[in-house]
Amino acid sequence: IPTVSALAYQVYQQGLANGNDPYAFSRIGDCESAPEAFLGFYVEDWAWLPEDYQYLQAAVDHFHDSFARDNLTARDGFGVSSVLSPLMADPSLCENNETPLECEYRLHQPSLIFISMGTNWAPYAGASYEKYLRQVVEFAIQHGALPILMTKADNIEQDNSINLAIATVAHDFDIPLLNFW
């Protein structure tokens, strides 16, 4: 959805007032959300933006440290429920009983959170996926970090229910959606 709603703007502004870092974003996802697969290469010496997209360099410079940063919420095999489980947290960085989502937020305090999950999900499980996605989005909003949802390009679940759930949650919360569907 190519607009930012009044509610999304309000969430972002509230986060800044609460101390979220305007230069920080986090990723929530599986291996496709790791810096080497999603945005991280833009801060490498060899990376360049095509001439028609040079105007985006300001965004790369603004969020430079976040582009290449490994997130506690983006790992191989993560599903949307993984970031809600203390069992999946990194014990060397996270506090006792802290979820990866809570830990990532505490350590990085992002103003934006890109949420791209769904490939590692069981067939025909859109309803349970949506339940967990709503919990992740609610956490982000409560902490003033604007969630930006991303649909996926595959249909491993065999009924397109994951992308439908992602679009439904984006609509229900009036938050941005990057639609790769």
C-alpha atoms as a PDB file:
ATOM      1  CA  ILE A   1       0.000   0.000   0.000  1.00  0.00           C
ATOM      2  CA  PRO A   2       1.907   3.058  -1.213  1.00  0.00           C
ATOM      3  CA  THR A   3       0.643   5.435   1.467  1.00  0.00           C
ATOM      4  CA  VAL A   4       1.418   5.895   5.130  1.00  0.00           C
ATOM      5  CA  SER A   5      -1.760   6.199   7.153  1.00  0.00           C
ATOM      6  CA  ALA A   6      -2.347   8.701   9.938  1.00  0.00           C
ATOM      7  CA  LEU A   7      -2.258   5.783  12.386  1.00  0.00           C
ATOM      8  CA  ALA A   8       1.099   4.562  11.050  1.00  0.00           C
ATOM      9  CA  TYR A   9       2.492   8.080  11.347  1.00  0.00           C
ATOM     10  CA  GLN A  10       1.174   8.298  14.916  1.00  0.00           C
ATOM     11  CA  VAL A  11       2.827   4.970  15.868  1.00  0.00           C
ATOM     12  CA  TYR A  12       6.147   6.170  14.433  1.00  0.00           C
ATOM     13  CA  GLN A  13       5.968   9.550  16.195  1.00  0.00           C
ATOM     14  CA  GLN A  14       5.025   7.931  19.518  1.00  0.00           C
ATOM     15  CA  GLY A  15       8.013   5.630  19.189  1.00  0.00           C
ATOM     16  CA  LEU A  16      10.354   8.562  18.629  1.00  0.00           C
ATOM     17  CA  ALA A  17       8.877  10.305  21.692  1.00  0.00           C
ATOM     18  CA  ASN A  18       9.544   7.114  23.683  1.00  0.00           C
ATOM     19  CA  GLY A  19      13.185   6.970  22.594  1.00  0.00           C
ATOM     20  CA  ASN A  20      13.140   4.731  19.520  1.00  0.00           C
ATOM     21  CA  ASP A  21      16.094   5.352  17.218  1.00  0.00           C
ATOM     22  CA  PRO A  22      15.045   7.220  14.048  1.00  0.00           C
ATOM     23  CA  TYR A  23      18.137   5.774  12.308  1.00  0.00           C
ATOM     24  CA  ALA A  24      17.321   2.150  13.170  1.00  0.00           C
ATOM     25  CA  PHE A  25      15.204  -0.551  11.625  1.00  0.00           C
ATOM     26  CA  SER A  26      14.977  -4.244  12.454  1.00  0.00           C
ATOM     27  CA  ARG A  27      14.023  -7.266  10.404  1.00  0.00           C
ATOM     28  CA  ILE A  28      11.791 -10.101  11.536  1.00  0.00           C
ATOM     29  CA  GLY A  29      12.006 -13.138   9.342  1.00  0.00           C
ATOM     30  CA  ASP A  30      13.707 -16.289   8.202  1.00  0.00           C
ATOM     31  CA  CYS A  31      16.899 -16.618   6.145  1.00  0.00           C
ATOM     32  CA  GLU A  32      15.429 -14.333   3.461  1.00  0.00           C
ATOM     33  CA  SER A  33      15.521 -11.488   6.011  1.00  0.00           C
ATOM     34  CA  ALA A  34      19.224 -11.791   6.833  1.00  0.00           C
ATOM     35  CA  PRO A  35      21.305  -8.774   5.754  1.00  0.00           C
ATOM     36  CA  GLU A  36      23.025 -10.694   2.960  1.00  0.00           C
ATOM     37  CA  ALA A  37      19.616 -11.450   1.408  1.00  0.00           C
ATOM     38  CA  PHE A  38      17.611  -8.348   2.317  1.00  0.00           C
ATOM     39  CA  LEU A  39      19.070  -4.827   2.042  1.00  0.00           C
ATOM     40  CA  GLY A  40      22.464  -5.519   3.639  1.00  0.00           C
ATOM     41  CA  PHE A  41      24.373  -5.437   0.376  1.00  0.00           C
ATOM     42  CA  TYR A  42      23.578  -1.739  -0.111  1.00  0.00           C
ATOM     43  CA  VAL A  43      26.289  -0.796   2.384  1.00  0.00           C
ATOM     44  CA  GLU A  44      28.969  -2.949   0.751  1.00  0.00           C
ATOM     45  CA  ASP A  45      31.746  -1.261  -1.225  1.00  0.00           C
ATOM     46  CA  TRP A  46      30.768  -3.087  -4.402  1.00  0.00           C
ATOM     47  CA  ALA A  47      27.064  -2.242  -4.196  1.00  0.00           C
ATOM     48  CA  TRP A  48      25.633   0.626  -6.162  1.00  0.00           C
ATOM     49  CA  LEU A  49      22.241   1.979  -6.991  1.00  0.00           C
ATOM     50  CA  PRO A  50      21.313   2.337 -10.664  1.00  0.00           C
ATOM     51  CA  GLU A  51      21.225   5.910 -11.895  1.00  0.00           C
ATOM     52  CA  ASP A  52      17.410   6.060 -11.812  1.00  0.00           C
ATOM     53  CA  TYR A  53      17.488   5.128  -8.101  1.00  0.00           C
ATOM     54  CA  GLN A  54      20.269   7.360  -6.812  1.00  0.00           C
ATOM     55  CA  TYR A  55      17.708   9.335  -4.814  1.00  0.00           C
ATOM     56  CA  LEU A  56      17.473   6.296  -2.502  1.00  0.00           C
ATOM     57  CA  GLN A  57      21.093   6.784  -1.383  1.00  0.00           C
ATOM     58  CA  ALA A  58      19.851   9.211   1.276  1.00  0.00           C
ATOM     59  CA  ALA A  59      17.794   6.378   2.844  1.00  0.00           C
ATOM     60  CA  VAL A  60      20.773   4.014   2.716  1.00  0.00           C
ATOM     61  CA  ASP A  61      22.938   6.629   4.423  1.00  0.00           C
ATOM     62  CA  HIS A  62      20.229   7.390   7.012  1.00  0.00           C
ATOM     63  CA  PHE A  63      19.791   3.734   8.039  1.00  0.00           C
ATOM     64  CA  HIS A  64      23.375   2.674   7.277  1.00  0.00           C
ATOM     65  CA  ASP A  65      24.057   0.781  10.509  1.00  0.00           C
ATOM     66  CA  SER A  66      20.783  -1.165  10.290  1.00  0.00           C
ATOM     67  CA  PHE A  67      21.331  -2.334   6.713  1.00  0.00           C
ATOM     68  CA  ALA A  68      24.161  -4.708   7.585  1.00  0.00           C
ATOM     69  CA  ARG A  69      23.212  -5.477  11.201  1.00  0.00           C
ATOM     70  CA  ASP A  70      22.337  -9.059  12.110  1.00  0.00           C
ATOM     71  CA  ASN A  71      19.004  -9.117  13.933  1.00  0.00           C
ATOM     72  CA  LEU A  72      18.017 -11.468  16.727  1.00  0.00           C
ATOM     73  CA  THR A  73      14.673 -11.817  14.965  1.00  0.00           C
ATOM     74  CA  ALA A  74      15.931 -12.943  11.542  1.00  0.00           C
ATOM     75  CA  ARG A  75      17.396 -16.448  11.365  1.00  0.00           C
ATOM     76  CA  ASP A  76      17.343 -19.549   9.224  1.00  0.00           C
ATOM     77  CA  GLY A  77      14.241 -21.587   9.953  1.00  0.00           C
ATOM     78  CA  PHE A  78      12.397 -18.921  11.913  1.00  0.00           C
ATOM     79  CA  GLY A  79       8.615 -18.964  11.668  1.00  0.00           C
ATOM     80  CA  VAL A  80       6.380 -16.156  12.846  1.00  0.00           C
ATOM     81  CA  SER A  81       5.882 -17.871  16.209  1.00  0.00           C
ATOM     82  CA  SER A  82       9.664 -18.269  16.742  1.00  0.00           C
ATOM     83  CA  VAL A  83      10.184 -14.620  17.647  1.00  0.00           C
ATOM     84  CA  LEU A  84       7.551 -14.991  20.381  1.00  0.00           C
ATOM     85  CA  SER A  85       9.283 -17.892  22.147  1.00  0.00           C
ATOM     86  CA  PRO A  86      11.974 -17.411  24.806  1.00  0.00           C
ATOM     87  CA  LEU A  87      13.337 -20.819  23.763  1.00  0.00           C
ATOM     88  CA  MET A  88      14.475 -19.268  20.467  1.00  0.00           C
ATOM     89  CA  ALA A  89      16.312 -16.329  22.080  1.00  0.00           C
ATOM     90  CA  ASP A  90      20.092 -16.007  22.014  1.00  0.00           C
ATOM     91  CA  PRO A  91      21.120 -16.683  25.635  1.00  0.00           C
ATOM     92  CA  SER A  92      24.352 -14.743  25.211  1.00  0.00           C
ATOM     93  CA  LEU A  93      22.464 -11.502  24.439  1.00  0.00           C
ATOM     94  CA  CYS A  94      18.936 -11.917  25.746  1.00  0.00           C
ATOM     95  CA  GLU A  95      17.710 -11.817  29.303  1.00  0.00           C
ATOM     96  CA  ASN A  96      16.133 -14.788  31.046  1.00  0.00           C
ATOM     97  CA  ASN A  97      12.644 -15.542  29.628  1.00  0.00           C
ATOM     98  CA  GLU A  98      13.003 -12.782  27.013  1.00  0.00           C
ATOM     99  CA  THR A  99      11.718 -13.548  23.517  1.00  0.00           C
ATOM    100  CA  PRO A 100      13.838 -12.763  20.449  1.00  0.00           C
ATOM    101  CA  LEU A 101      11.356  -9.967  19.652  1.00  0.00           C
ATOM    102  CA  GLU A 102      11.657  -8.397  23.111  1.00  0.00           C
ATOM    103  CA  CYS A 103      15.441  -8.781  23.051  1.00  0.00           C
ATOM    104  CA  GLU A 104      15.837  -7.238  19.580  1.00  0.00           C
ATOM    105  CA  TYR A 105      13.691  -4.292  20.564  1.00  0.00           C
ATOM    106  CA  ARG A 106      15.521  -3.762  23.871  1.00  0.00           C
ATOM    107  CA  LEU A 107      18.967  -3.848  22.242  1.00  0.00           C
ATOM    108  CA  HIS A 108      18.226  -1.905  19.040  1.00  0.00           C
ATOM    109  CA  GLN A 109      15.093   0.214  19.710  1.00  0.00           C
ATOM    110  CA  PRO A 110      14.142   0.456  16.031  1.00  0.00           C
ATOM    111  CA  SER A 111      11.684   2.988  14.706  1.00  0.00           C
ATOM    112  CA  LEU A 112      10.720   0.638  11.847  1.00  0.00           C
ATOM    113  CA  ILE A 113      10.356  -3.154  11.725  1.00  0.00           C
ATOM    114  CA  PHE A 114      10.227  -5.065   8.435  1.00  0.00           C
ATOM    115  CA  ILE A 115       8.277  -8.302   8.912  1.00  0.00           C
ATOM    116  CA  SER A 116       8.839 -10.901   6.210  1.00  0.00           C
ATOM    117  CA  MET A 117       7.871 -14.417   7.244  1.00  0.00           C
ATOM    118  CA  GLY A 118       5.934 -17.346   5.982  1.00  0.00           C
ATOM    119  CA  THR A 119       8.149 -19.622   3.953  1.00  0.00           C
ATOM    120  CA  ASN A 120       8.756 -21.915   6.940  1.00  0.00           C
ATOM    121  CA  TRP A 121       5.117 -22.621   7.668  1.00  0.00           C
ATOM    122  CA  ALA A 122       2.959 -25.732   7.440  1.00  0.00           C
ATOM    123  CA  PRO A 123       0.569 -26.234   4.531  1.00  0.00           C
ATOM    124  CA  TYR A 124      -2.970 -24.917   5.065  1.00  0.00           C
ATOM    125  CA  ALA A 125      -2.058 -23.108   8.284  1.00  0.00           C
ATOM    126  CA  GLY A 126      -3.012 -19.524   7.446  1.00  0.00           C
ATOM    127  CA  ALA A 127      -5.257 -19.058  10.481  1.00  0.00           C
ATOM    128  CA  SER A 128      -2.562 -19.945  13.012  1.00  0.00           C
ATOM    129  CA  TYR A 129      -0.017 -17.873  11.071  1.00  0.00           C
ATOM    130  CA  GLU A 130      -2.320 -14.856  11.237  1.00  0.00           C
ATOM    131  CA  LYS A 131      -2.782 -15.276  15.003  1.00  0.00           C
ATOM    132  CA  TYR A 132       0.985 -15.098  15.613  1.00  0.00           C
ATOM    133  CA  LEU A 133       1.520 -12.304  13.091  1.00  0.00           C
ATOM    134  CA  ARG A 134      -1.079 -10.198  14.906  1.00  0.00           C
ATOM    135  CA  GLN A 135       0.848 -10.696  18.176  1.00  0.00           C
ATOM    136  CA  VAL A 136       4.089  -9.527  16.529  1.00  0.00           C
ATOM    137  CA  VAL A 137       2.381  -6.479  15.004  1.00  0.00           C
ATOM    138  CA  GLU A 138       0.690  -5.614  18.310  1.00  0.00           C
ATOM    139  CA  PHE A 139       4.061  -5.774  20.101  1.00  0.00           C
ATOM    140  CA  ALA A 140       5.630  -3.449  17.537  1.00  0.00           C
ATOM    141  CA  ILE A 141       2.790  -0.942  17.725  1.00  0.00           C
ATOM    142  CA  GLN A 142       2.751  -0.983  21.538  1.00  0.00           C
ATOM    143  CA  HIS A 143       6.470  -0.131  21.448  1.00  0.00           C
ATOM    144  CA  GLY A 144       6.095   2.589  18.817  1.00  0.00           C
ATOM    145  CA  ALA A 145       8.015   0.700  16.140  1.00  0.00           C
ATOM    146  CA  LEU A 146       6.143   0.965  12.848  1.00  0.00           C
ATOM    147  CA  PRO A 147       5.662  -2.535  11.413  1.00  0.00           C
ATOM    148  CA  ILE A 148       6.008  -2.863   7.646  1.00  0.00           C
ATOM    149  CA  LEU A 149       4.590  -6.169   6.452  1.00  0.00           C
ATOM    150  CA  MET A 150       5.900  -7.985   3.408  1.00  0.00           C
ATOM    151  CA  THR A 151       4.102 -10.691   1.465  1.00  0.00           C
ATOM    152  CA  LYS A 152       6.064 -13.621   0.053  1.00  0.00           C
ATOM    153  CA  ALA A 153       6.610 -14.786  -3.495  1.00  0.00           C
ATOM    154  CA  ASP A 154       5.988 -18.499  -2.899  1.00  0.00           C
ATOM    155  CA  ASN A 155       2.904 -20.560  -2.099  1.00  0.00           C
ATOM    156  CA  ILE A 156       4.455 -23.372  -0.061  1.00  0.00           C
ATOM    157  CA  GLU A 157       1.343 -23.507   2.119  1.00  0.00           C
ATOM    158  CA  GLN A 158      -0.550 -24.517  -1.068  1.00  0.00           C
ATOM    159  CA  ASP A 159      -3.592 -22.266  -0.624  1.00  0.00           C
ATOM    160  CA  ASN A 160      -2.140 -18.706  -0.611  1.00  0.00           C
ATOM    161  CA  SER A 161      -3.450 -18.310   2.938  1.00  0.00           C
ATOM    162  CA  ILE A 162      -0.214 -16.821   4.288  1.00  0.00           C
ATOM    163  CA  ASN A 163      -0.208 -13.867   1.890  1.00  0.00           C
ATOM    164  CA  LEU A 164      -3.915 -13.394   2.477  1.00  0.00           C
ATOM    165  CA  ALA A 165      -3.262 -13.331   6.237  1.00  0.00           C
ATOM    166  CA  ILE A 166      -0.437 -10.792   5.799  1.00  0.00           C
ATOM    167  CA  ALA A 167      -2.613  -8.516   3.650  1.00  0.00           C
ATOM    168  CA  THR A 168      -5.519  -8.858   6.093  1.00  0.00           C
ATOM    169  CA  VAL A 169      -3.345  -7.911   9.079  1.00  0.00           C
ATOM    170  CA  ALA A 170      -1.888  -4.914   7.198  1.00  0.00           C
ATOM    171  CA  HIS A 171      -5.407  -3.776   6.343  1.00  0.00           C
ATOM    172  CA  ASP A 172      -6.788  -4.349   9.846  1.00  0.00           C
ATOM    173  CA  PHE A 173      -3.956  -2.420  11.528  1.00  0.00           C
ATOM    174  CA  ASP A 174      -3.728   0.208   8.750  1.00  0.00           C
ATOM    175  CA  ILE A 175       0.025  -0.331   8.396  1.00  0.00           C
ATOM    176  CA  PRO A 176       2.293  -0.393   5.314  1.00  0.00           C
ATOM    177  CA  LEU A 177       2.446  -3.480   3.121  1.00  0.00           C
ATOM    178  CA  LEU A 178       5.119  -4.333   0.558  1.00  0.00           C
ATOM    179  CA  ASN A 179       3.295  -6.690  -1.765  1.00  0.00           C
ATOM    180  CA  PHE A 180       5.490  -9.268  -3.521  1.00  0.00           C
ATOM    181  CA  TRP A 181       2.452 -11.538  -3.993  1.00  0.00           C
END
